[in-house]
Amino acid sequence: MKFIQVFVTVNDRLKAEEIAVELVKAKLAVCAQVLGPIYSTYRWDGRIENSMEWMVFIKTVGDKYPLLETKIKEMHPYEVPEIIAHEIKFGNPAYLNWIEKEVGEEKNSQ
């Protein structure tokens, strides 16, 4: 099973928390952590922008990514939200087992 961690930034702490809760409730994620504020500098529409944001770290399985991305886009206020996934190559076996148990396909197909 492929485990992933997904990163999402959003400009509002309450919205970040709402996204985190909804993803876990929908069993698209086993865990979502909100960190921040963070300060972002980026280029948008040809200008350099600075903003305060919150980051959501989401743990799930790779098979859930398409639905997870769709759900985030439905809830996210940005025109182009940052949604980036990284494969988890190594980790505490008990933690990875917990991810698989809670959101793996086997659990949701019962």
Protein backbone atom coordinates (compact mmCIF):
# COMPACT_ATOMS: atom_id res chain seq x y z
CA MET A 1 0.00 0.00 0.00
CA LYS A 2 1.27 3.46 -0.90
CA PHE A 3 1.04 5.97 1.95
CA ILE A 4 1.08 9.70 1.26
CA GLN A 5 1.24 13.00 3.09
CA VAL A 6 -0.58 15.89 1.43
CA PHE A 7 0.20 19.57 2.07
CA VAL A 8 -2.44 22.28 1.65
CA THR A 9 -2.17 25.98 2.49
CA VAL A 10 -5.11 28.27 3.18
CA ASN A 11 -5.46 31.90 4.28
CA ASP A 12 -7.82 31.31 7.20
CA ARG A 13 -7.23 29.15 10.31
CA LEU A 14 -10.90 28.24 10.68
CA LYS A 15 -11.07 27.16 7.03
CA ALA A 16 -7.93 25.06 7.52
CA GLU A 17 -9.51 23.39 10.54
CA GLU A 18 -12.76 22.83 8.62
CA ILE A 19 -10.88 21.14 5.77
CA ALA A 20 -8.99 18.95 8.26
CA VAL A 21 -12.16 17.84 10.06
CA GLU A 22 -14.12 17.16 6.88
CA LEU A 23 -11.36 15.03 5.34
CA VAL A 24 -11.10 12.89 8.47
CA LYS A 25 -14.90 12.61 8.82
CA ALA A 26 -15.17 11.50 5.17
CA LYS A 27 -12.46 8.85 5.78
CA LEU A 28 -10.29 10.45 3.12
CA ALA A 29 -7.59 11.03 5.74
CA VAL A 30 -6.59 9.33 8.96
CA CYS A 31 -5.08 12.49 10.44
CA ALA A 32 -4.87 16.16 9.49
CA GLN A 33 -2.79 18.70 11.39
CA VAL A 34 -3.08 22.47 11.11
CA LEU A 35 0.11 24.48 11.58
CA GLY A 36 0.61 28.19 11.47
CA PRO A 37 0.55 30.89 10.90
CA ILE A 38 3.19 30.66 8.22
CA TYR A 39 4.25 33.58 6.05
CA SER A 40 4.25 32.97 2.32
CA THR A 41 5.87 34.96 -0.48
CA TYR A 42 4.80 34.05 -3.99
CA ARG A 43 4.27 35.40 -7.50
CA TRP A 44 0.63 35.76 -8.56
CA ASP A 45 -0.65 37.59 -11.64
CA GLY A 46 2.81 39.03 -12.25
CA ARG A 47 3.16 40.54 -8.77
CA ILE A 48 5.08 39.49 -5.68
CA GLU A 49 2.58 38.79 -2.90
CA ASN A 50 3.00 38.16 0.82
CA SER A 51 0.38 36.59 3.01
CA MET A 52 -0.21 34.81 6.27
CA GLU A 53 -1.44 31.25 5.78
CA TRP A 54 -2.05 28.01 7.65
CA MET A 55 -0.77 24.65 6.46
CA VAL A 56 -2.70 21.41 6.70
CA PHE A 57 -0.66 18.17 6.78
CA ILE A 58 -2.83 15.23 5.77
CA LYS A 59 -1.98 11.53 6.07
CA THR A 60 -3.77 9.00 3.88
CA VAL A 61 -3.28 6.28 1.28
CA GLY A 62 -2.50 6.97 -2.37
CA ASP A 63 -5.77 5.49 -3.61
CA LYS A 64 -7.68 8.22 -1.77
CA TYR A 65 -5.82 11.10 -3.43
CA PRO A 66 -8.27 11.82 -6.30
CA LEU A 67 -11.27 12.07 -3.94
CA LEU A 68 -9.24 14.00 -1.38
CA GLU A 69 -8.15 16.55 -4.00
CA THR A 70 -11.72 16.96 -5.21
CA LYS A 71 -13.00 17.53 -1.66
CA ILE A 72 -10.28 20.08 -0.90
CA LYS A 73 -11.02 22.01 -4.12
CA GLU A 74 -14.75 22.08 -3.23
CA MET A 75 -13.98 23.64 0.15
CA HIS A 76 -10.96 25.80 -0.65
CA PRO A 77 -11.28 29.57 -1.17
CA TYR A 78 -8.31 29.92 -3.57
CA GLU A 79 -8.62 29.93 -7.34
CA VAL A 80 -5.55 27.66 -7.52
CA PRO A 81 -5.04 25.92 -4.16
CA GLU A 82 -1.69 24.41 -3.27
CA ILE A 83 -2.30 20.67 -3.00
CA ILE A 84 0.93 18.69 -3.04
CA ALA A 85 1.34 15.02 -2.17
CA HIS A 86 4.52 13.20 -1.20
CA GLU A 87 4.89 9.47 -0.89
CA ILE A 88 5.79 8.22 2.57
CA LYS A 89 8.61 5.76 1.84
CA PHE A 90 9.47 4.90 5.43
CA GLY A 91 7.71 5.27 8.75
CA ASN A 92 6.86 3.66 12.03
CA PRO A 93 5.24 0.35 10.96
CA ALA A 94 2.57 0.67 13.66
CA TYR A 95 1.67 4.19 12.43
CA LEU A 96 1.49 3.06 8.80
CA ASN A 97 -0.66 0.11 9.86
CA TRP A 98 -3.01 2.56 11.59
CA ILE A 99 -3.32 4.58 8.37
CA GLU A 100 -4.11 1.43 6.39
CA LYS A 101 -6.60 0.19 9.00
CA GLU A 102 -8.51 3.48 9.12
CA VAL A 103 -8.58 4.63 5.49
CA GLY A 104 -7.30 1.72 3.39
CA GLU A 105 -9.56 0.21 0.77
CA GLU A 106 -10.18 -2.91 2.84
CA LYS A 107 -11.92 -0.90 5.59
CA ASN A 108 -14.11 1.07 3.21
CA SER A 109 -15.19 -1.88 1.07
CA GLN A 110 -16.84 -3.71 3.99
